[in-house]
């Protein structure tokens, strides 16, 4: 029987790409001898480094210059199956021109239809399921049977040591409790304002003033005003490492050292979930942003969502205007932090 060669394609954001890591694992378990590859944007390729289930990680910078380069690389591998998890015209034609016969996408978009791509339906998201589950539907089309949706990222001991050294240079000792807070979202999801995050940071400092706990900030889009606010906080317990990592991979390995990570539904939160780090995700109630679709679910995670009653009262009817800022209380985040730290034996 011809060896199966499977390509999984997802060329959007980092957090979205994390959602295909369960597919990779379950495809490997189903087809142990298969050749399995991923196609992502260049930066997101770091997610699959050292992943034992991936034979090759192919990347595309989505420019005109690399369109045919990617096609040539795909042709070299002679894939038997191609799973297009997030539909894009570019990837659809790349897979078609690469000669992948069994191609499966999502829905029935024009460019998928004209290239004779099969598709799975999300049934208008009714009933609503997790994004990783929707991704898995494509793997199920070629024989995978599973309900295990836990994302995973693999980090070597050498990488952990290097990240520990970076954190120590920034003032974080290995035996110190820490809370990573990622204040940015890149517009990918509703989020607190920086002033709201500043209130949270002050509360944490007060709650844990005698513990030596450090707060680690990772978002590169922090404003100058917010950075100035941090400088006047007492005790050098808030550390900005946003300029200390040179790649997504270095950020991943630093997050692997977190006791707790707090963030809205964006890349670093989903990285923490895949690293089995204690994480607290902040979500709005709108169906396309809620915890049911994007929630973190490793055993050390907490999802906090704007309550339905609050949403109905303060958000617009179409949910485009979101009252996220006040919809999640600082008290609820502090309580979740306390629970996660209590269960962490670092």
Protein backbone atom coordinates (compact mmCIF):
# COMPACT_ATOMS: atom_id res chain seq x y z
CA UNK A 1 0.00 0.00 0.00
CA UNK A 2 1.25 3.48 -0.90
CA UNK A 3 2.61 5.41 2.07
CA UNK A 4 0.28 8.19 3.14
CA UNK A 5 1.74 11.70 2.93
CA UNK A 6 -0.42 14.24 4.72
CA UNK A 7 -0.18 18.04 4.55
CA UNK A 8 -2.01 20.22 7.12
CA UNK A 9 -2.38 23.85 6.06
CA UNK A 10 -3.17 26.79 8.31
CA UNK A 11 -1.61 30.14 7.37
CA UNK A 12 -3.26 32.55 9.81
CA UNK A 13 -2.32 33.69 13.33
CA UNK A 14 -0.22 31.97 15.97
CA UNK A 15 -3.12 31.10 18.28
CA UNK A 16 -5.06 29.65 15.34
CA UNK A 17 -2.12 27.47 14.32
CA UNK A 18 -1.88 26.03 17.84
CA UNK A 19 -5.33 24.54 17.16
CA UNK A 20 -3.94 22.12 14.57
CA UNK A 21 -1.40 20.54 16.95
CA UNK A 22 -4.00 17.98 18.16
CA UNK A 23 -4.61 17.02 14.51
CA UNK A 24 -0.92 16.32 14.02
CA UNK A 25 -0.78 14.04 17.06
CA UNK A 26 -3.97 12.15 16.22
CA UNK A 27 -2.95 11.66 12.58
CA UNK A 28 0.34 10.20 13.78
CA UNK A 29 -1.46 7.84 16.14
CA UNK A 30 -3.81 6.76 13.35
CA UNK A 31 -1.11 6.44 10.69
CA UNK A 32 2.20 5.73 12.48
CA UNK A 33 4.12 5.29 9.21
CA UNK A 34 2.70 8.34 7.44
CA UNK A 35 4.75 11.35 6.35
CA UNK A 36 3.14 14.37 8.06
CA UNK A 37 3.87 18.01 7.23
CA UNK A 38 2.48 21.41 8.11
CA UNK A 39 2.25 24.59 6.04
CA UNK A 40 2.04 27.80 8.06
CA UNK A 41 3.29 31.36 7.99
CA UNK A 42 7.01 31.63 8.67
CA UNK A 43 6.81 32.67 12.33
CA UNK A 44 4.22 30.04 13.23
CA UNK A 45 6.56 27.28 12.08
CA UNK A 46 8.23 27.64 15.49
CA UNK A 47 5.19 25.94 17.03
CA UNK A 48 6.19 22.63 15.46
CA UNK A 49 9.88 22.68 16.29
CA UNK A 50 10.86 19.42 18.07
CA UNK A 51 7.34 18.03 17.56
CA UNK A 52 7.93 14.27 17.17
CA UNK A 53 4.76 13.89 15.09
CA UNK A 54 5.84 16.31 12.33
CA UNK A 55 8.26 15.20 9.63
CA UNK A 56 8.66 18.62 8.06
CA UNK A 57 7.38 22.13 8.74
CA UNK A 58 6.94 24.16 5.55
CA UNK A 59 6.46 27.92 5.76
CA UNK A 60 5.12 30.61 3.45
CA UNK A 61 5.64 34.35 3.94
CA UNK A 62 2.51 34.98 1.80
CA UNK A 63 4.28 37.20 -0.75
CA UNK A 64 4.11 36.98 -4.53
CA UNK A 65 7.74 35.85 -4.64
CA UNK A 66 7.14 32.70 -2.56
CA UNK A 67 3.87 31.51 -4.15
CA UNK A 68 5.57 29.22 -6.70
CA UNK A 69 8.44 28.37 -4.35
CA UNK A 70 5.96 26.77 -1.96
CA UNK A 71 4.26 24.89 -4.81
CA UNK A 72 7.60 23.43 -5.90
CA UNK A 73 8.36 22.33 -2.35
CA UNK A 74 4.94 20.70 -2.01
CA UNK A 75 5.44 18.88 -5.31
CA UNK A 76 8.74 17.45 -4.10
CA UNK A 77 6.95 15.67 -1.24
CA UNK A 78 4.17 14.22 -3.46
CA UNK A 79 1.47 14.53 -0.81
CA UNK A 80 -1.45 12.13 -0.99
CA UNK A 81 -3.72 14.22 1.28
CA UNK A 82 -4.05 17.94 1.93
CA UNK A 83 -6.14 19.37 4.78
CA UNK A 84 -6.88 23.09 4.42
CA UNK A 85 -8.06 24.03 7.89
CA UNK A 86 -8.52 27.76 7.27
CA UNK A 87 -9.70 28.50 3.71
CA UNK A 88 -7.58 30.91 1.69
CA UNK A 89 -7.49 31.32 -2.07
CA UNK A 90 -3.69 31.26 -2.08
CA UNK A 91 -3.34 27.94 -0.23
CA UNK A 92 -6.18 26.37 -2.21
CA UNK A 93 -4.41 27.02 -5.52
CA UNK A 94 -1.02 26.04 -4.11
CA UNK A 95 -2.40 22.65 -3.07
CA UNK A 96 -4.15 22.20 -6.43
CA UNK A 97 -1.10 23.15 -8.50
CA UNK A 98 1.09 20.93 -6.32
CA UNK A 99 -0.92 17.96 -7.54
CA UNK A 100 -2.37 16.85 -4.19
CA UNK A 101 -5.25 14.62 -5.23
CA UNK A 102 -7.22 14.26 -2.00
CA UNK A 103 -7.80 17.81 -0.83
CA UNK A 104 -10.25 18.68 1.94
CA UNK A 105 -11.26 22.18 3.00
CA UNK A 106 -13.95 23.91 5.03
CA UNK A 107 -17.25 24.80 3.41
CA UNK A 108 -17.85 25.23 -0.32
CA UNK A 109 -16.12 28.44 -1.31
CA UNK A 110 -15.88 29.23 -5.04
CA UNK A 111 -12.13 28.70 -5.31
CA UNK A 112 -12.47 25.38 -3.50
CA UNK A 113 -15.30 24.24 -5.79
CA UNK A 114 -13.47 25.08 -9.05
CA UNK A 115 -10.40 23.15 -7.87
CA UNK A 116 -12.58 20.13 -7.01
CA UNK A 117 -11.74 20.28 -3.30
CA UNK A 118 -13.99 18.34 -0.94
CA UNK A 119 -15.22 20.14 2.16
CA UNK A 120 -16.51 19.64 5.68
CA UNK A 121 -19.32 21.84 6.97
CA UNK A 122 -19.32 23.76 10.22
CA UNK A 123 -23.12 23.74 10.09
CA UNK A 124 -23.25 27.49 10.84
CA UNK A 125 -21.52 26.72 14.17
CA UNK A 126 -24.65 25.01 15.54
CA UNK A 127 -24.13 23.52 18.05
CA UNK A 128 -21.05 25.57 18.88
CA UNK A 129 -17.91 23.48 19.45
CA UNK A 130 -14.23 24.22 20.13
CA UNK A 131 -12.05 25.44 17.26
CA UNK A 132 -9.70 22.48 17.75
CA UNK A 133 -12.71 20.19 17.30
CA UNK A 134 -13.68 21.88 14.04
CA UNK A 135 -10.08 21.47 12.87
CA UNK A 136 -10.16 17.79 13.81
CA UNK A 137 -13.16 17.28 11.50
CA UNK A 138 -10.78 17.38 8.53
CA UNK A 139 -8.61 14.66 10.05
CA UNK A 140 -11.74 12.64 10.74
CA UNK A 141 -12.47 12.78 7.01
CA UNK A 142 -9.40 10.62 6.40
CA UNK A 143 -9.90 8.11 9.18
CA UNK A 144 -9.04 9.72 12.53
CA UNK A 145 -11.38 8.81 15.39
CA UNK A 146 -10.73 10.86 18.54
CA UNK A 147 -12.11 13.34 21.06
CA UNK A 148 -8.66 14.31 22.40
CA UNK A 149 -8.34 17.99 21.52
CA UNK A 150 -5.52 19.01 23.88
CA UNK A 151 -2.98 21.19 21.99
CA UNK A 152 0.69 20.48 22.58
CA UNK A 153 4.05 22.16 22.01
CA UNK A 154 7.37 20.47 22.72
CA UNK A 155 10.28 22.28 24.39
CA UNK A 156 13.71 20.71 24.97
CA UNK A 157 15.64 20.92 28.22
CA UNK A 158 18.30 22.99 26.47
CA UNK A 159 15.65 25.47 25.38
CA UNK A 160 14.26 25.62 28.91
CA UNK A 161 17.73 26.33 30.27
CA UNK A 162 18.34 29.08 27.70
CA UNK A 163 14.99 30.69 28.53
CA UNK A 164 15.76 30.44 32.25
CA UNK A 165 19.03 32.26 31.63
CA UNK A 166 17.21 35.04 29.76
CA UNK A 167 14.72 35.42 32.60
CA UNK A 168 17.51 35.50 35.19
CA UNK A 169 19.25 38.30 33.29
CA UNK A 170 15.96 40.18 33.47
CA UNK A 171 15.75 39.65 37.24
CA UNK A 172 13.63 36.50 37.57
CA UNK A 173 15.16 33.70 39.62
CA UNK A 174 14.13 30.08 38.90
CA UNK A 175 12.68 29.49 42.38
CA UNK A 176 10.51 32.65 42.33
CA UNK A 177 6.79 32.43 41.69
CA UNK A 178 5.76 34.43 38.65
CA UNK A 179 2.70 35.56 36.75
CA UNK A 180 3.05 36.28 33.04
CA UNK A 181 0.62 38.92 31.77
CA UNK A 182 0.21 39.53 28.05
CA UNK A 183 -1.62 42.82 27.69
CA UNK A 184 -1.87 42.87 23.89
CA UNK A 185 -4.10 41.04 21.45
CA UNK A 186 -3.13 42.43 18.06
CA UNK A 187 -6.82 43.07 17.44
CA UNK A 188 -7.52 39.35 17.36
CA UNK A 189 -10.00 39.40 20.23
CA UNK A 190 -11.74 41.74 22.71
CA UNK A 191 -9.32 42.81 25.40
CA UNK A 192 -8.92 44.91 28.52
CA UNK A 193 -7.38 48.34 28.23
CA UNK A 194 -3.87 48.92 29.56
CA UNK A 195 -5.31 50.94 32.43
CA UNK A 196 -7.38 47.93 33.43
CA UNK A 197 -4.32 45.68 33.30
CA UNK A 198 -2.48 48.25 35.43
CA UNK A 199 -5.19 47.94 38.09
CA UNK A 200 -4.79 44.15 37.99
CA UNK A 201 -1.02 44.42 38.38
CA UNK A 202 -1.39 46.70 41.41
CA UNK A 203 -3.86 44.29 42.99
CA UNK A 204 -1.48 41.36 42.47
CA UNK A 205 1.41 43.31 43.99
CA UNK A 206 -0.71 44.12 47.04
CA UNK A 207 -2.09 40.60 47.41
CA UNK A 208 1.38 39.02 47.20
CA UNK A 209 3.56 41.80 48.60
CA UNK A 210 5.54 39.52 50.92
CA UNK A 211 5.93 36.55 48.59
CA UNK A 212 8.61 37.78 46.21
CA UNK A 213 6.28 36.96 43.31
CA UNK A 214 7.27 38.58 40.01
CA UNK A 215 4.99 39.84 37.24
CA UNK A 216 6.38 39.25 33.74
CA UNK A 217 5.05 41.37 30.86
CA UNK A 218 5.48 40.04 27.34
CA UNK A 219 3.45 42.19 24.92
CA UNK A 220 5.53 44.22 22.48
CA UNK A 221 2.63 46.56 21.70
CA UNK A 222 2.68 48.12 25.18
CA UNK A 223 2.35 51.90 24.97
CA UNK A 224 5.02 54.31 26.24
CA UNK A 225 2.53 55.62 28.79
CA UNK A 226 1.95 52.12 30.16
CA UNK A 227 5.69 51.47 30.36
CA UNK A 228 6.09 54.72 32.30
CA UNK A 229 3.41 53.59 34.73
CA UNK A 230 5.33 50.38 35.37
CA UNK A 231 8.54 52.25 36.26
CA UNK A 232 6.98 53.86 39.32
CA UNK A 233 5.68 50.60 40.78
CA UNK A 234 7.51 49.57 43.97
CA UNK A 235 10.01 46.79 44.49
CA UNK A 236 11.18 45.97 40.95
CA UNK A 237 8.65 43.17 40.89
CA UNK A 238 7.20 43.99 37.46
CA UNK A 239 9.57 42.97 34.68
CA UNK A 240 9.10 43.80 31.02
CA UNK A 241 10.65 41.07 28.85
CA UNK A 242 8.97 42.17 25.61
CA UNK A 243 12.32 43.11 24.06
CA UNK A 244 14.22 40.14 25.49
CA UNK A 245 12.96 37.45 23.11
CA UNK A 246 14.13 37.49 19.51
CA UNK A 247 11.66 35.03 18.02
CA UNK A 248 8.36 33.31 18.66
CA UNK A 249 10.33 30.26 19.73
CA UNK A 250 12.10 32.18 22.49
CA UNK A 251 8.76 33.53 23.68
CA UNK A 252 7.40 29.98 23.74
CA UNK A 253 10.31 28.75 25.85
CA UNK A 254 9.93 31.66 28.26
CA UNK A 255 6.20 31.00 28.68
CA UNK A 256 7.11 27.40 29.53
CA UNK A 257 8.52 28.82 32.81
CA UNK A 258 5.31 30.61 33.81
CA UNK A 259 3.43 29.64 36.93
CA UNK A 260 0.37 31.46 35.63
CA UNK A 261 -0.30 33.37 32.41
CA UNK A 262 -3.13 35.89 32.11
CA UNK A 263 -4.28 37.07 28.69
CA UNK A 264 -7.24 37.65 26.45
CA UNK A 265 -7.87 35.03 23.76
CA UNK A 266 -4.70 35.56 21.75
CA UNK A 267 -1.53 33.74 20.74
CA UNK A 268 0.39 33.62 24.07
CA UNK A 269 -2.66 32.27 25.90
CA UNK A 270 -3.01 29.38 23.46
CA UNK A 271 0.74 28.76 23.59
CA UNK A 272 0.49 28.50 27.38
CA UNK A 273 -2.43 26.09 27.08
CA UNK A 274 -0.38 23.87 24.74
CA UNK A 275 2.59 24.01 27.14
CA UNK A 276 0.36 22.86 30.04
CA UNK A 277 1.03 26.12 31.88
CA UNK A 278 -1.55 27.39 34.33
CA UNK A 279 -3.42 30.01 32.34
CA UNK A 280 -6.34 32.37 32.74
CA UNK A 281 -8.16 33.32 29.55
CA UNK A 282 -10.40 36.38 29.31
CA UNK A 283 -13.32 36.06 26.87
CA UNK A 284 -16.31 38.02 25.71
CA UNK A 285 -19.69 36.32 25.38
CA UNK A 286 -20.08 36.76 21.61
CA UNK A 287 -20.22 33.31 20.02
CA UNK A 288 -17.25 33.85 17.69
CA UNK A 289 -15.02 34.97 20.59
CA UNK A 290 -16.35 32.99 23.53
CA UNK A 291 -14.70 30.30 25.64
CA UNK A 292 -16.76 27.51 24.08
CA UNK A 293 -15.03 28.17 20.75
CA UNK A 294 -11.59 29.34 21.92
CA UNK A 295 -11.27 28.34 25.57
CA UNK A 296 -8.13 26.93 27.18
CA UNK A 297 -8.67 23.51 28.66
CA UNK A 298 -5.49 21.97 30.00
CA UNK A 299 -6.01 20.77 33.60
CA UNK A 300 -4.36 23.95 34.96
CA UNK A 301 -6.47 26.51 33.13
CA UNK A 302 -9.40 28.83 33.85
CA UNK A 303 -11.73 30.52 31.37
CA UNK A 304 -13.38 33.75 32.51
CA UNK A 305 -16.13 34.99 30.22
CA UNK A 306 -18.31 38.08 30.29
CA UNK A 307 -21.60 36.82 31.82
CA UNK A 308 -24.56 36.53 29.46
CA UNK A 309 -26.68 38.88 31.60
CA UNK A 310 -23.97 41.57 31.50
CA UNK A 311 -23.52 41.12 27.78
CA UNK A 312 -27.26 41.42 27.07
CA UNK A 313 -27.46 44.59 29.15
CA UNK A 314 -24.31 46.44 28.06
CA UNK A 315 -23.32 45.15 24.60
CA UNK A 316 -25.05 46.07 21.35
CA UNK A 317 -27.74 43.74 20.04
CA UNK A 318 -25.47 42.52 17.22
CA UNK A 319 -22.61 42.10 19.75
CA UNK A 320 -20.29 44.22 17.61
CA UNK A 321 -20.06 46.77 20.42
CA UNK A 322 -18.51 44.84 23.29
CA UNK A 323 -18.62 45.88 26.96
CA UNK A 324 -15.62 43.66 27.71
CA UNK A 325 -13.77 46.22 29.85
CA UNK A 326 -16.07 46.03 32.87
CA UNK A 327 -17.67 42.69 32.02
CA UNK A 328 -14.86 40.72 33.66
CA UNK A 329 -13.97 41.82 37.18
CA UNK A 330 -10.46 42.09 38.55
CA UNK A 331 -11.69 40.17 41.59
CA UNK A 332 -12.52 37.14 39.44
CA UNK A 333 -9.01 37.16 37.94
CA UNK A 334 -7.38 37.51 41.37
CA UNK A 335 -9.43 34.60 42.69
CA UNK A 336 -8.37 32.41 39.74
CA UNK A 337 -4.72 33.37 40.21
CA UNK A 338 -4.95 32.35 43.86
CA UNK A 339 -6.42 28.96 42.92
CA UNK A 340 -3.78 28.25 40.31
CA UNK A 341 -0.85 29.33 42.49
CA UNK A 342 -2.15 27.21 45.35
CA UNK A 343 -2.10 24.17 43.09
CA UNK A 344 1.39 24.87 41.71
CA UNK A 345 4.25 23.15 43.52
CA UNK A 346 7.09 25.10 41.92
